All heavy atoms as atom14 arrays in JSON, in Angstrom:
{
  "sequence": "RVGYVWLELCRDSPTGPRFVTIGAGARATSARDAETWF",
  "atom14_mask": [
    [1, 1, 1, 1, 1, 1, 1, 1, 1, 1, 1, 0, 0, 0],
    [1, 1, 1, 1, 1, 1, 1, 0, 0, 0, 0, 0, 0, 0],
    [1, 1, 1, 1, 0, 0, 0, 0, 0, 0, 0, 0, 0, 0],
    [1, 1, 1, 1, 1, 1, 1, 1, 1, 1, 1, 1, 0, 0],
    [1, 1, 1, 1, 1, 1, 1, 0, 0, 0, 0, 0, 0, 0],
    [1, 1, 1, 1, 1, 1, 1, 1, 1, 1, 1, 1, 1, 1],
    [1, 1, 1, 1, 1, 1, 1, 1, 0, 0, 0, 0, 0, 0],
    [1, 1, 1, 1, 1, 1, 1, 1, 1, 0, 0, 0, 0, 0],
    [1, 1, 1, 1, 1, 1, 1, 1, 0, 0, 0, 0, 0, 0],
    [1, 1, 1, 1, 1, 1, 0, 0, 0, 0, 0, 0, 0, 0],
    [1, 1, 1, 1, 1, 1, 1, 1, 1, 1, 1, 0, 0, 0],
    [1, 1, 1, 1, 1, 1, 1, 1, 0, 0, 0, 0, 0, 0],
    [1, 1, 1, 1, 1, 1, 0, 0, 0, 0, 0, 0, 0, 0],
    [1, 1, 1, 1, 1, 1, 1, 0, 0, 0, 0, 0, 0, 0],
    [1, 1, 1, 1, 1, 1, 1, 0, 0, 0, 0, 0, 0, 0],
    [1, 1, 1, 1, 0, 0, 0, 0, 0, 0, 0, 0, 0, 0],
    [1, 1, 1, 1, 1, 1, 1, 0, 0, 0, 0, 0, 0, 0],
    [1, 1, 1, 1, 1, 1, 1, 1, 1, 1, 1, 0, 0, 0],
    [1, 1, 1, 1, 1, 1, 1, 1, 1, 1, 1, 0, 0, 0],
    [1, 1, 1, 1, 1, 1, 1, 0, 0, 0, 0, 0, 0, 0],
    [1, 1, 1, 1, 1, 1, 1, 0, 0, 0, 0, 0, 0, 0],
    [1, 1, 1, 1, 1, 1, 1, 1, 0, 0, 0, 0, 0, 0],
    [1, 1, 1, 1, 0, 0, 0, 0, 0, 0, 0, 0, 0, 0],
    [1, 1, 1, 1, 1, 0, 0, 0, 0, 0, 0, 0, 0, 0],
    [1, 1, 1, 1, 0, 0, 0, 0, 0, 0, 0, 0, 0, 0],
    [1, 1, 1, 1, 1, 0, 0, 0, 0, 0, 0, 0, 0, 0],
    [1, 1, 1, 1, 1, 1, 1, 1, 1, 1, 1, 0, 0, 0],
    [1, 1, 1, 1, 1, 0, 0, 0, 0, 0, 0, 0, 0, 0],
    [1, 1, 1, 1, 1, 1, 1, 0, 0, 0, 0, 0, 0, 0],
    [1, 1, 1, 1, 1, 1, 0, 0, 0, 0, 0, 0, 0, 0],
    [1, 1, 1, 1, 1, 0, 0, 0, 0, 0, 0, 0, 0, 0],
    [1, 1, 1, 1, 1, 1, 1, 1, 1, 1, 1, 0, 0, 0],
    [1, 1, 1, 1, 1, 1, 1, 1, 0, 0, 0, 0, 0, 0],
    [1, 1, 1, 1, 1, 0, 0, 0, 0, 0, 0, 0, 0, 0],
    [1, 1, 1, 1, 1, 1, 1, 1, 1, 0, 0, 0, 0, 0],
    [1, 1, 1, 1, 1, 1, 1, 0, 0, 0, 0, 0, 0, 0],
    [1, 1, 1, 1, 1, 1, 1, 1, 1, 1, 1, 1, 1, 1],
    [1, 1, 1, 1, 1, 1, 1, 1, 1, 1, 1, 0, 0, 0]
  ],
  "atom14_positions": [
    [[0.86, -1.18, 0.04], [0.04, -0.03, 0.07], [0.84, 1.23, -0.04], [1.91, 1.36, 0.56], [-0.93, -0.04, 1.22], [-2.22, 0.81, 1.07], [-3.08, 0.81, 2.29], [-4.38, 1.3, 2.1], [-5.18, 1.62, 3.18], [-4.74, 1.33, 4.4], [-6.41, 2.16, 2.87], [0.0, 0.0, 0.0], [0.0, 0.0, 0.0], [0.0, 0.0, 0.0]],
    [[0.31, 2.32, -0.64], [1.04, 3.55, -0.66], [-0.04, 4.58, -0.1], [-1.27, 4.59, -0.44], [1.4, 4.13, -2.07], [1.93, 5.47, -2.0], [2.37, 3.12, -2.63], [0.0, 0.0, 0.0], [0.0, 0.0, 0.0], [0.0, 0.0, 0.0], [0.0, 0.0, 0.0], [0.0, 0.0, 0.0], [0.0, 0.0, 0.0], [0.0, 0.0, 0.0]],
    [[0.34, 5.44, 0.85], [-0.69, 6.39, 1.35], [0.11, 7.75, 1.7], [1.3, 7.97, 1.68], [0.0, 0.0, 0.0], [0.0, 0.0, 0.0], [0.0, 0.0, 0.0], [0.0, 0.0, 0.0], [0.0, 0.0, 0.0], [0.0, 0.0, 0.0], [0.0, 0.0, 0.0], [0.0, 0.0, 0.0], [0.0, 0.0, 0.0], [0.0, 0.0, 0.0]],
    [[-0.78, 8.68, 2.01], [-0.34, 10.06, 2.3], [-0.94, 10.75, 3.58], [-2.16, 10.4, 3.83], [-0.53, 11.0, 1.07], [0.43, 10.87, 0.0], [0.32, 9.98, -1.1], [1.63, 11.67, -0.1], [1.2, 9.74, -2.07], [2.52, 11.41, -1.06], [2.29, 10.57, -2.02], [3.23, 10.42, -3.08], [0.0, 0.0, 0.0], [0.0, 0.0, 0.0]],
    [[-0.19, 11.51, 4.08], [-0.63, 12.33, 5.31], [-0.22, 13.77, 5.03], [0.92, 14.05, 4.66], [-0.13, 11.83, 6.64], [-0.76, 12.62, 7.89], [-0.4, 10.28, 6.76], [0.0, 0.0, 0.0], [0.0, 0.0, 0.0], [0.0, 0.0, 0.0], [0.0, 0.0, 0.0], [0.0, 0.0, 0.0], [0.0, 0.0, 0.0], [0.0, 0.0, 0.0]],
    [[-1.05, 14.69, 5.23], [-0.81, 16.09, 4.92], [-1.35, 17.12, 5.95], [-2.37, 16.66, 6.56], [-1.02, 16.44, 3.4], [-2.42, 16.22, 3.02], [-3.0, 15.07, 2.53], [-3.58, 17.21, 3.15], [-4.29, 15.29, 2.2], [-4.78, 16.51, 2.56], [-3.62, 18.51, 3.59], [-6.0, 17.24, 2.55], [-4.95, 19.15, 3.51], [-6.03, 18.53, 2.97]],
    [[-0.85, 18.26, 6.06], [-1.18, 19.29, 6.86], [-1.1, 20.69, 6.18], [-0.05, 20.94, 5.59], [-0.41, 19.33, 8.18], [-0.76, 20.54, 9.15], [-2.29, 20.34, 9.76], [0.21, 20.48, 10.3], [0.0, 0.0, 0.0], [0.0, 0.0, 0.0], [0.0, 0.0, 0.0], [0.0, 0.0, 0.0], [0.0, 0.0, 0.0], [0.0, 0.0, 0.0]],
    [[-2.11, 21.38, 6.01], [-2.34, 22.66, 5.34], [-2.23, 23.81, 6.38], [-2.93, 23.78, 7.28], [-3.43, 22.88, 4.4], [-3.49, 24.09, 3.66], [-4.84, 24.21, 2.89], [-4.87, 23.86, 1.82], [-5.81, 24.75, 3.44], [0.0, 0.0, 0.0], [0.0, 0.0, 0.0], [0.0, 0.0, 0.0], [0.0, 0.0, 0.0], [0.0, 0.0, 0.0]],
    [[-1.36, 24.82, 6.16], [-1.17, 26.02, 7.06], [-1.48, 27.2, 6.22], [-1.31, 27.17, 4.93], [0.27, 26.05, 7.58], [0.65, 24.8, 8.32], [2.21, 24.84, 8.55], [-0.02, 24.55, 9.53], [0.0, 0.0, 0.0], [0.0, 0.0, 0.0], [0.0, 0.0, 0.0], [0.0, 0.0, 0.0], [0.0, 0.0, 0.0], [0.0, 0.0, 0.0]],
    [[-1.89, 28.29, 6.81], [-2.33, 29.44, 6.1], [-1.92, 30.64, 6.94], [-2.11, 30.66, 8.1], [-3.79, 29.5, 5.8], [-4.25, 30.99, 4.97], [0.0, 0.0, 0.0], [0.0, 0.0, 0.0], [0.0, 0.0, 0.0], [0.0, 0.0, 0.0], [0.0, 0.0, 0.0], [0.0, 0.0, 0.0], [0.0, 0.0, 0.0], [0.0, 0.0, 0.0]],
    [[-1.52, 31.82, 6.39], [-1.37, 33.01, 7.1], [-1.71, 34.05, 6.14], [-1.77, 33.98, 4.95], [0.05, 33.22, 7.56], [1.12, 33.56, 6.54], [2.47, 33.77, 7.16], [3.43, 34.14, 6.21], [3.69, 35.33, 5.71], [3.05, 36.39, 6.03], [4.72, 35.48, 4.81], [0.0, 0.0, 0.0], [0.0, 0.0, 0.0], [0.0, 0.0, 0.0]],
    [[-2.17, 35.2, 6.78], [-2.53, 36.43, 5.97], [-1.3, 37.12, 5.45], [-0.21, 37.26, 6.31], [-3.56, 37.35, 6.87], [-4.76, 36.6, 7.12], [-5.08, 35.67, 6.38], [-5.35, 37.17, 8.07], [0.0, 0.0, 0.0], [0.0, 0.0, 0.0], [0.0, 0.0, 0.0], [0.0, 0.0, 0.0], [0.0, 0.0, 0.0], [0.0, 0.0, 0.0]],
    [[-1.29, 37.78, 4.28], [-0.21, 38.47, 3.86], [-0.79, 39.73, 3.12], [-2.04, 39.8, 2.82], [0.59, 37.77, 2.94], [-0.02, 37.52, 1.72], [0.0, 0.0, 0.0], [0.0, 0.0, 0.0], [0.0, 0.0, 0.0], [0.0, 0.0, 0.0], [0.0, 0.0, 0.0], [0.0, 0.0, 0.0], [0.0, 0.0, 0.0], [0.0, 0.0, 0.0]],
    [[-0.05, 40.82, 2.85], [-0.59, 41.88, 2.2], [-1.17, 41.67, 0.75], [-2.13, 42.34, 0.27], [0.68, 42.81, 1.94], [1.48, 42.45, 3.1], [1.35, 40.94, 3.23], [0.0, 0.0, 0.0], [0.0, 0.0, 0.0], [0.0, 0.0, 0.0], [0.0, 0.0, 0.0], [0.0, 0.0, 0.0], [0.0, 0.0, 0.0], [0.0, 0.0, 0.0]],
    [[-0.75, 40.49, 0.14], [-1.33, 40.09, -1.09], [-2.49, 39.03, -1.04], [-2.93, 38.59, -2.07], [-0.2, 39.59, -2.01], [0.42, 38.55, -1.43], [0.68, 40.73, -2.33], [0.0, 0.0, 0.0], [0.0, 0.0, 0.0], [0.0, 0.0, 0.0], [0.0, 0.0, 0.0], [0.0, 0.0, 0.0], [0.0, 0.0, 0.0], [0.0, 0.0, 0.0]],
    [[-2.94, 38.71, 0.27], [-3.87, 37.69, 0.37], [-3.36, 36.54, 1.2], [-2.19, 36.56, 1.61], [0.0, 0.0, 0.0], [0.0, 0.0, 0.0], [0.0, 0.0, 0.0], [0.0, 0.0, 0.0], [0.0, 0.0, 0.0], [0.0, 0.0, 0.0], [0.0, 0.0, 0.0], [0.0, 0.0, 0.0], [0.0, 0.0, 0.0], [0.0, 0.0, 0.0]],
    [[-4.25, 35.56, 1.37], [-3.75, 34.35, 2.11], [-2.61, 33.6, 1.43], [-2.59, 33.53, 0.15], [-5.11, 33.54, 2.14], [-6.23, 34.32, 1.83], [-5.67, 35.42, 0.94], [0.0, 0.0, 0.0], [0.0, 0.0, 0.0], [0.0, 0.0, 0.0], [0.0, 0.0, 0.0], [0.0, 0.0, 0.0], [0.0, 0.0, 0.0], [0.0, 0.0, 0.0]],
    [[-1.7, 33.23, 2.3], [-0.5, 32.42, 1.79], [-0.73, 30.94, 2.3], [-0.84, 30.89, 3.75], [0.76, 32.98, 2.26], [1.94, 32.2, 1.63], [3.21, 32.69, 2.15], [4.35, 31.77, 1.92], [5.52, 31.92, 2.43], [5.83, 32.72, 3.37], [6.46, 30.97, 2.0], [0.0, 0.0, 0.0], [0.0, 0.0, 0.0], [0.0, 0.0, 0.0]],
    [[-0.79, 30.0, 1.44], [-0.94, 28.5, 1.96], [0.44, 27.84, 1.83], [1.17, 28.19, 0.82], [-2.01, 27.78, 1.09], [-3.37, 28.39, 1.43], [-3.88, 29.36, 0.55], [-4.1, 27.99, 2.4], [-5.23, 29.87, 0.84], [-5.4, 28.36, 2.54], [-6.0, 29.45, 1.86], [0.0, 0.0, 0.0], [0.0, 0.0, 0.0], [0.0, 0.0, 0.0]],
    [[0.65, 26.95, 2.65], [1.84, 26.11, 2.63], [1.3, 24.66, 3.05], [0.56, 24.64, 4.1], [2.83, 26.4, 3.59], [4.0, 25.25, 3.67], [3.53, 27.74, 3.17], [0.0, 0.0, 0.0], [0.0, 0.0, 0.0], [0.0, 0.0, 0.0], [0.0, 0.0, 0.0], [0.0, 0.0, 0.0], [0.0, 0.0, 0.0], [0.0, 0.0, 0.0]],
    [[1.61, 23.58, 2.36], [1.31, 22.23, 2.74], [2.51, 21.46, 2.96], [3.44, 21.44, 2.26], [0.57, 21.59, 1.52], [-0.7, 22.36, 1.1], [0.22, 20.17, 1.93], [0.0, 0.0, 0.0], [0.0, 0.0, 0.0], [0.0, 0.0, 0.0], [0.0, 0.0, 0.0], [0.0, 0.0, 0.0], [0.0, 0.0, 0.0], [0.0, 0.0, 0.0]],
    [[2.57, 20.84, 4.14], [3.63, 19.92, 4.42], [3.04, 18.5, 4.53], [1.77, 18.34, 4.94], [4.27, 20.19, 5.82], [3.28, 20.11, 6.87], [4.91, 21.52, 5.8], [3.89, 20.39, 8.3], [0.0, 0.0, 0.0], [0.0, 0.0, 0.0], [0.0, 0.0, 0.0], [0.0, 0.0, 0.0], [0.0, 0.0, 0.0], [0.0, 0.0, 0.0]],
    [[3.58, 17.55, 3.98], [3.08, 16.2, 4.01], [4.13, 15.15, 3.94], [5.35, 15.31, 3.85], [0.0, 0.0, 0.0], [0.0, 0.0, 0.0], [0.0, 0.0, 0.0], [0.0, 0.0, 0.0], [0.0, 0.0, 0.0], [0.0, 0.0, 0.0], [0.0, 0.0, 0.0], [0.0, 0.0, 0.0], [0.0, 0.0, 0.0], [0.0, 0.0, 0.0]],
    [[3.67, 13.91, 4.05], [4.48, 12.77, 3.9], [3.81, 11.61, 3.13], [2.61, 11.39, 3.44], [4.85, 12.27, 5.38], [0.0, 0.0, 0.0], [0.0, 0.0, 0.0], [0.0, 0.0, 0.0], [0.0, 0.0, 0.0], [0.0, 0.0, 0.0], [0.0, 0.0, 0.0], [0.0, 0.0, 0.0], [0.0, 0.0, 0.0], [0.0, 0.0, 0.0]],
    [[4.54, 10.95, 2.34], [4.03, 9.72, 1.64], [4.87, 8.52, 2.17], [5.92, 8.64, 2.74], [0.0, 0.0, 0.0], [0.0, 0.0, 0.0], [0.0, 0.0, 0.0], [0.0, 0.0, 0.0], [0.0, 0.0, 0.0], [0.0, 0.0, 0.0], [0.0, 0.0, 0.0], [0.0, 0.0, 0.0], [0.0, 0.0, 0.0], [0.0, 0.0, 0.0]],
    [[4.25, 7.37, 2.13], [4.91, 6.14, 2.61], [4.36, 5.01, 1.79], [3.21, 4.83, 1.33], [4.46, 5.93, 4.15], [0.0, 0.0, 0.0], [0.0, 0.0, 0.0], [0.0, 0.0, 0.0], [0.0, 0.0, 0.0], [0.0, 0.0, 0.0], [0.0, 0.0, 0.0], [0.0, 0.0, 0.0], [0.0, 0.0, 0.0], [0.0, 0.0, 0.0]],
    [[5.21, 4.07, 1.62], [4.97, 2.82, 0.92], [5.48, 1.53, 1.81], [6.6, 1.66, 2.23], [5.62, 2.8, -0.39], [5.26, 1.43, -1.13], [6.04, 1.51, -2.59], [5.72, 0.29, -3.34], [6.5, -0.89, -3.25], [7.48, -0.83, -2.43], [6.16, -2.06, -3.91], [0.0, 0.0, 0.0], [0.0, 0.0, 0.0], [0.0, 0.0, 0.0]],
    [[4.68, 0.66, 1.86], [5.09, -0.66, 2.65], [4.55, -1.81, 2.02], [3.5, -1.75, 1.37], [4.69, -0.49, 4.11], [0.0, 0.0, 0.0], [0.0, 0.0, 0.0], [0.0, 0.0, 0.0], [0.0, 0.0, 0.0], [0.0, 0.0, 0.0], [0.0, 0.0, 0.0], [0.0, 0.0, 0.0], [0.0, 0.0, 0.0], [0.0, 0.0, 0.0]],
    [[5.16, -2.99, 2.22], [4.74, -4.26, 1.85], [4.67, -5.16, 3.11], [5.43, -4.89, 4.05], [5.51, -4.8, 0.64], [6.79, -5.26, 1.32], [5.67, -3.91, -0.54], [0.0, 0.0, 0.0], [0.0, 0.0, 0.0], [0.0, 0.0, 0.0], [0.0, 0.0, 0.0], [0.0, 0.0, 0.0], [0.0, 0.0, 0.0], [0.0, 0.0, 0.0]],
    [[3.96, -6.2, 3.03], [4.03, -7.22, 4.15], [5.48, -7.76, 4.52], [5.81, -8.07, 5.55], [3.0, -8.36, 3.93], [3.4, -9.11, 2.86], [0.0, 0.0, 0.0], [0.0, 0.0, 0.0], [0.0, 0.0, 0.0], [0.0, 0.0, 0.0], [0.0, 0.0, 0.0], [0.0, 0.0, 0.0], [0.0, 0.0, 0.0], [0.0, 0.0, 0.0]],
    [[6.22, -7.84, 3.48], [7.63, -8.3, 3.56], [8.7, -7.27, 3.83], [9.84, -7.67, 4.12], [7.89, -9.11, 2.41], [0.0, 0.0, 0.0], [0.0, 0.0, 0.0], [0.0, 0.0, 0.0], [0.0, 0.0, 0.0], [0.0, 0.0, 0.0], [0.0, 0.0, 0.0], [0.0, 0.0, 0.0], [0.0, 0.0, 0.0], [0.0, 0.0, 0.0]],
    [[8.43, -6.04, 3.8], [9.38, -4.86, 3.81], [8.92, -3.86, 4.75], [7.71, -3.59, 4.74], [9.8, -4.43, 2.48], [10.4, -5.42, 1.55], [10.8, -4.88, 0.29], [11.92, -3.77, 0.48], [12.4, -3.06, -0.51], [12.02, -3.2, -1.74], [13.32, -2.21, -0.24], [0.0, 0.0, 0.0], [0.0, 0.0, 0.0], [0.0, 0.0, 0.0]],
    [[9.9, -3.21, 5.45], [9.5, -2.12, 6.2], [9.02, -0.83, 5.27], [9.34, -0.9, 4.2], [10.54, -1.72, 7.13], [10.95, -2.65, 8.22], [9.97, -3.36, 8.59], [12.04, -2.66, 8.74], [0.0, 0.0, 0.0], [0.0, 0.0, 0.0], [0.0, 0.0, 0.0], [0.0, 0.0, 0.0], [0.0, 0.0, 0.0], [0.0, 0.0, 0.0]],
    [[8.49, 0.16, 5.97], [7.97, 1.3, 5.23], [9.07, 2.21, 4.81], [10.02, 2.3, 5.5], [6.83, 2.01, 6.11], [0.0, 0.0, 0.0], [0.0, 0.0, 0.0], [0.0, 0.0, 0.0], [0.0, 0.0, 0.0], [0.0, 0.0, 0.0], [0.0, 0.0, 0.0], [0.0, 0.0, 0.0], [0.0, 0.0, 0.0], [0.0, 0.0, 0.0]],
    [[8.85, 2.7, 3.58], [9.75, 3.9, 3.04], [8.91, 5.06, 3.12], [7.8, 5.09, 2.71], [10.22, 3.46, 1.69], [10.97, 4.63, 0.96], [11.13, 4.46, -0.53], [10.34, 3.71, -1.11], [12.11, 5.08, -1.03], [0.0, 0.0, 0.0], [0.0, 0.0, 0.0], [0.0, 0.0, 0.0], [0.0, 0.0, 0.0], [0.0, 0.0, 0.0]],
    [[9.48, 6.15, 3.6], [8.75, 7.34, 3.75], [9.42, 8.54, 2.99], [10.71, 8.55, 2.83], [8.65, 7.9, 5.15], [9.85, 7.96, 5.89], [7.78, 6.84, 5.97], [0.0, 0.0, 0.0], [0.0, 0.0, 0.0], [0.0, 0.0, 0.0], [0.0, 0.0, 0.0], [0.0, 0.0, 0.0], [0.0, 0.0, 0.0], [0.0, 0.0, 0.0]],
    [[8.7, 9.49, 2.53], [9.22, 10.75, 1.95], [8.44, 11.83, 2.23], [7.25, 11.77, 2.58], [9.29, 10.51, 0.36], [8.03, 10.16, -0.2], [7.06, 10.95, -0.87], [7.53, 8.88, -0.48], [6.02, 10.3, -1.35], [6.2, 9.05, -1.17], [7.92, 7.57, -0.38], [5.53, 7.84, -1.51], [7.13, 6.44, -0.62], [5.96, 6.64, -1.25]],
    [[8.97, 13.09, 2.26], [8.46, 14.3, 2.73], [8.39, 15.37, 1.72], [9.4, 15.42, 0.88], [9.06, 14.59, 4.21], [9.01, 13.6, 5.18], [10.0, 12.74, 5.18], [8.15, 13.51, 6.1], [10.04, 11.71, 6.15], [8.01, 12.51, 7.05], [9.07, 11.6, 7.0], [0.0, 0.0, 0.0], [0.0, 0.0, 0.0], [0.0, 0.0, 0.0]]
  ]
}
């Protein structure tokens, strides 16, 4: 299986809302440990 987890942040700026998304993806099999990337 491959899955994702993410969190969106926002702040106000003179030009309007500024969004930033931080997240992580992961892949695992029953025979191998999970590999993660950010």
